[in-house]
Amino acid sequence: MNRVAFGIIAGVVFGALDVAAMLPLKFTDRTTAFAAAFSSRFAIGLLATLVKMPLPNWLTGLVVGLLISIPDAIVTKVYVPILASGIVGGAIVGWAAGRWAAPL
């Protein structure tokens, strides 16, 4: 599959899963919280697929997930869940891109 198409699909799926996990939580502005979470996870899905580093695909995804998640964690002061989901999700997307997406 084309890398860009794979990244868009991975980003939408990862973003939707992250927002679904947030549904039971209480926020003062749910729309903004969901939009921010979705866009951050969409970026991880897209970039973990498209970035080329001299690392295994899963590790590239992990690095991308960590780097994109750090600002969200700092702003919200909710470090472990945000960083963990970004790292794990990025690694999974990177691994999947290496397995099913066209080579870079």
C-alpha atoms as a PDB file:
ATOM      1  CA  MET A   1       0.000   0.000   0.000  1.00  0.00           C
ATOM      2  CA  ASN A   2       1.150   3.558  -0.667  1.00  0.00           C
ATOM      3  CA  ARG A   3       2.903   5.066   2.391  1.00  0.00           C
ATOM      4  CA  VAL A   4       0.813   8.236   2.457  1.00  0.00           C
ATOM      5  CA  ALA A   5      -2.471   6.333   2.257  1.00  0.00           C
ATOM      6  CA  PHE A   6      -1.269   3.907   4.935  1.00  0.00           C
ATOM      7  CA  GLY A   7      -0.250   6.831   7.169  1.00  0.00           C
ATOM      8  CA  ILE A   8      -3.610   8.557   6.795  1.00  0.00           C
ATOM      9  CA  ILE A   9      -5.477   5.359   7.621  1.00  0.00           C
ATOM     10  CA  ALA A  10      -3.171   4.616  10.572  1.00  0.00           C
ATOM     11  CA  GLY A  11      -3.585   8.186  11.842  1.00  0.00           C
ATOM     12  CA  VAL A  12      -7.377   8.080  11.644  1.00  0.00           C
ATOM     13  CA  VAL A  13      -7.529   4.693  13.386  1.00  0.00           C
ATOM     14  CA  PHE A  14      -5.047   5.693  16.120  1.00  0.00           C
ATOM     15  CA  GLY A  15      -6.807   9.029  16.652  1.00  0.00           C
ATOM     16  CA  ALA A  16     -10.230   7.393  16.859  1.00  0.00           C
ATOM     17  CA  LEU A  17      -8.977   4.791  19.334  1.00  0.00           C
ATOM     18  CA  ASP A  18      -7.434   7.475  21.542  1.00  0.00           C
ATOM     19  CA  VAL A  19     -10.606   9.580  21.521  1.00  0.00           C
ATOM     20  CA  ALA A  20     -12.691   6.471  22.279  1.00  0.00           C
ATOM     21  CA  ALA A  21     -10.487   5.794  25.308  1.00  0.00           C
ATOM     22  CA  MET A  22     -11.139   9.361  26.494  1.00  0.00           C
ATOM     23  CA  LEU A  23     -14.946   9.195  26.250  1.00  0.00           C
ATOM     24  CA  PRO A  24     -15.552   8.211  29.904  1.00  0.00           C
ATOM     25  CA  LEU A  25     -13.336  11.042  31.192  1.00  0.00           C
ATOM     26  CA  LYS A  26     -14.655  14.463  32.238  1.00  0.00           C
ATOM     27  CA  PHE A  27     -13.336  17.635  30.574  1.00  0.00           C
ATOM     28  CA  THR A  28     -14.432  21.248  30.797  1.00  0.00           C
ATOM     29  CA  ASP A  29     -14.264  21.486  26.997  1.00  0.00           C
ATOM     30  CA  ARG A  30     -14.737  17.999  25.554  1.00  0.00           C
ATOM     31  CA  THR A  31     -14.682  19.097  21.923  1.00  0.00           C
ATOM     32  CA  THR A  32     -11.302  20.785  22.287  1.00  0.00           C
ATOM     33  CA  ALA A  33      -9.840  17.883  24.282  1.00  0.00           C
ATOM     34  CA  PHE A  34     -11.016  15.329  21.708  1.00  0.00           C
ATOM     35  CA  ALA A  35      -9.838  17.426  18.761  1.00  0.00           C
ATOM     36  CA  ALA A  36      -6.404  17.922  20.328  1.00  0.00           C
ATOM     37  CA  ALA A  37      -6.028  14.226  21.149  1.00  0.00           C
ATOM     38  CA  PHE A  38      -7.187  13.156  17.695  1.00  0.00           C
ATOM     39  CA  SER A  39      -4.874  15.552  15.863  1.00  0.00           C
ATOM     40  CA  SER A  40      -1.868  14.529  17.942  1.00  0.00           C
ATOM     41  CA  ARG A  41      -2.486  10.817  17.378  1.00  0.00           C
ATOM     42  CA  PHE A  42      -3.245  11.404  13.693  1.00  0.00           C
ATOM     43  CA  ALA A  43       0.144  13.119  13.375  1.00  0.00           C
ATOM     44  CA  ILE A  44       1.847  10.137  15.013  1.00  0.00           C
ATOM     45  CA  GLY A  45       0.133   7.722  12.637  1.00  0.00           C
ATOM     46  CA  LEU A  46       1.045   9.748   9.570  1.00  0.00           C
ATOM     47  CA  LEU A  47       4.605  10.682  10.521  1.00  0.00           C
ATOM     48  CA  ALA A  48       5.572   7.296  11.959  1.00  0.00           C
ATOM     49  CA  THR A  49       4.758   5.928   8.520  1.00  0.00           C
ATOM     50  CA  LEU A  50       6.578   8.589   6.483  1.00  0.00           C
ATOM     51  CA  VAL A  51       9.702   9.415   8.523  1.00  0.00           C
ATOM     52  CA  LYS A  52      12.878   7.614   7.517  1.00  0.00           C
ATOM     53  CA  MET A  53      15.562   7.107  10.172  1.00  0.00           C
ATOM     54  CA  PRO A  54      18.475   4.688  10.372  1.00  0.00           C
ATOM     55  CA  LEU A  55      16.469   2.641  12.893  1.00  0.00           C
ATOM     56  CA  PRO A  56      14.046  -0.284  12.704  1.00  0.00           C
ATOM     57  CA  ASN A  57      10.540   0.834  11.708  1.00  0.00           C
ATOM     58  CA  TRP A  58       9.059   0.146  15.139  1.00  0.00           C
ATOM     59  CA  LEU A  59      11.774   2.223  16.832  1.00  0.00           C
ATOM     60  CA  THR A  60      11.266   5.080  14.375  1.00  0.00           C
ATOM     61  CA  GLY A  61       7.551   5.018  15.248  1.00  0.00           C
ATOM     62  CA  LEU A  62       8.371   4.977  18.947  1.00  0.00           C
ATOM     63  CA  VAL A  63      10.621   8.046  18.609  1.00  0.00           C
ATOM     64  CA  VAL A  64       8.006   9.908  16.560  1.00  0.00           C
ATOM     65  CA  GLY A  65       5.296   8.987  19.088  1.00  0.00           C
ATOM     66  CA  LEU A  66       7.427  10.185  21.996  1.00  0.00           C
ATOM     67  CA  LEU A  67       8.391  13.478  20.362  1.00  0.00           C
ATOM     68  CA  ILE A  68       4.842  14.356  19.349  1.00  0.00           C
ATOM     69  CA  SER A  69       3.434  13.379  22.767  1.00  0.00           C
ATOM     70  CA  ILE A  70       5.858  15.398  24.915  1.00  0.00           C
ATOM     71  CA  PRO A  71       4.196  18.824  24.366  1.00  0.00           C
ATOM     72  CA  ASP A  72       0.727  17.425  25.139  1.00  0.00           C
ATOM     73  CA  ALA A  73       2.023  15.804  28.316  1.00  0.00           C
ATOM     74  CA  ILE A  74       3.732  19.004  29.460  1.00  0.00           C
ATOM     75  CA  VAL A  75       0.679  21.197  28.822  1.00  0.00           C
ATOM     76  CA  THR A  76      -1.778  18.840  30.516  1.00  0.00           C
ATOM     77  CA  LYS A  77       0.631  17.633  33.236  1.00  0.00           C
ATOM     78  CA  VAL A  78      -0.667  14.110  32.527  1.00  0.00           C
ATOM     79  CA  TYR A  79       2.606  12.427  31.629  1.00  0.00           C
ATOM     80  CA  VAL A  80       2.288   8.648  31.890  1.00  0.00           C
ATOM     81  CA  PRO A  81      -0.924   7.980  29.928  1.00  0.00           C
ATOM     82  CA  ILE A  82      -0.113  10.457  27.160  1.00  0.00           C
ATOM     83  CA  LEU A  83       3.516   9.409  26.736  1.00  0.00           C
ATOM     84  CA  ALA A  84       2.692   5.703  27.043  1.00  0.00           C
ATOM     85  CA  SER A  85      -0.041   5.792  24.412  1.00  0.00           C
ATOM     86  CA  GLY A  86       2.139   7.844  22.078  1.00  0.00           C
ATOM     87  CA  ILE A  87       5.120   5.513  22.477  1.00  0.00           C
ATOM     88  CA  VAL A  88       3.152   2.273  22.181  1.00  0.00           C
ATOM     89  CA  GLY A  89       0.938   3.556  19.374  1.00  0.00           C
ATOM     90  CA  GLY A  90       3.902   4.959  17.467  1.00  0.00           C
ATOM     91  CA  ALA A  91       5.809   1.698  17.773  1.00  0.00           C
ATOM     92  CA  ILE A  92       2.803  -0.297  16.559  1.00  0.00           C
ATOM     93  CA  VAL A  93       2.207   2.038  13.604  1.00  0.00           C
ATOM     94  CA  GLY A  94       5.912   1.995  12.698  1.00  0.00           C
ATOM     95  CA  TRP A  95       6.007  -1.791  12.822  1.00  0.00           C
ATOM     96  CA  ALA A  96       2.808  -2.086  10.768  1.00  0.00           C
ATOM     97  CA  ALA A  97       4.101   0.389   8.182  1.00  0.00           C
ATOM     98  CA  GLY A  98       7.291  -1.632   7.807  1.00  0.00           C
ATOM     99  CA  ARG A  99       5.247  -4.754   7.292  1.00  0.00           C
ATOM    100  CA  TRP A 100       2.369  -3.585   5.050  1.00  0.00           C
ATOM    101  CA  ALA A 101       3.266  -0.211   3.500  1.00  0.00           C
ATOM    102  CA  ALA A 102       5.408   0.243   0.403  1.00  0.00           C
ATOM    103  CA  PRO A 103       9.114   0.784   1.135  1.00  0.00           C
ATOM    104  CA  LEU A 104      10.351   4.354   1.500  1.00  0.00           C
END
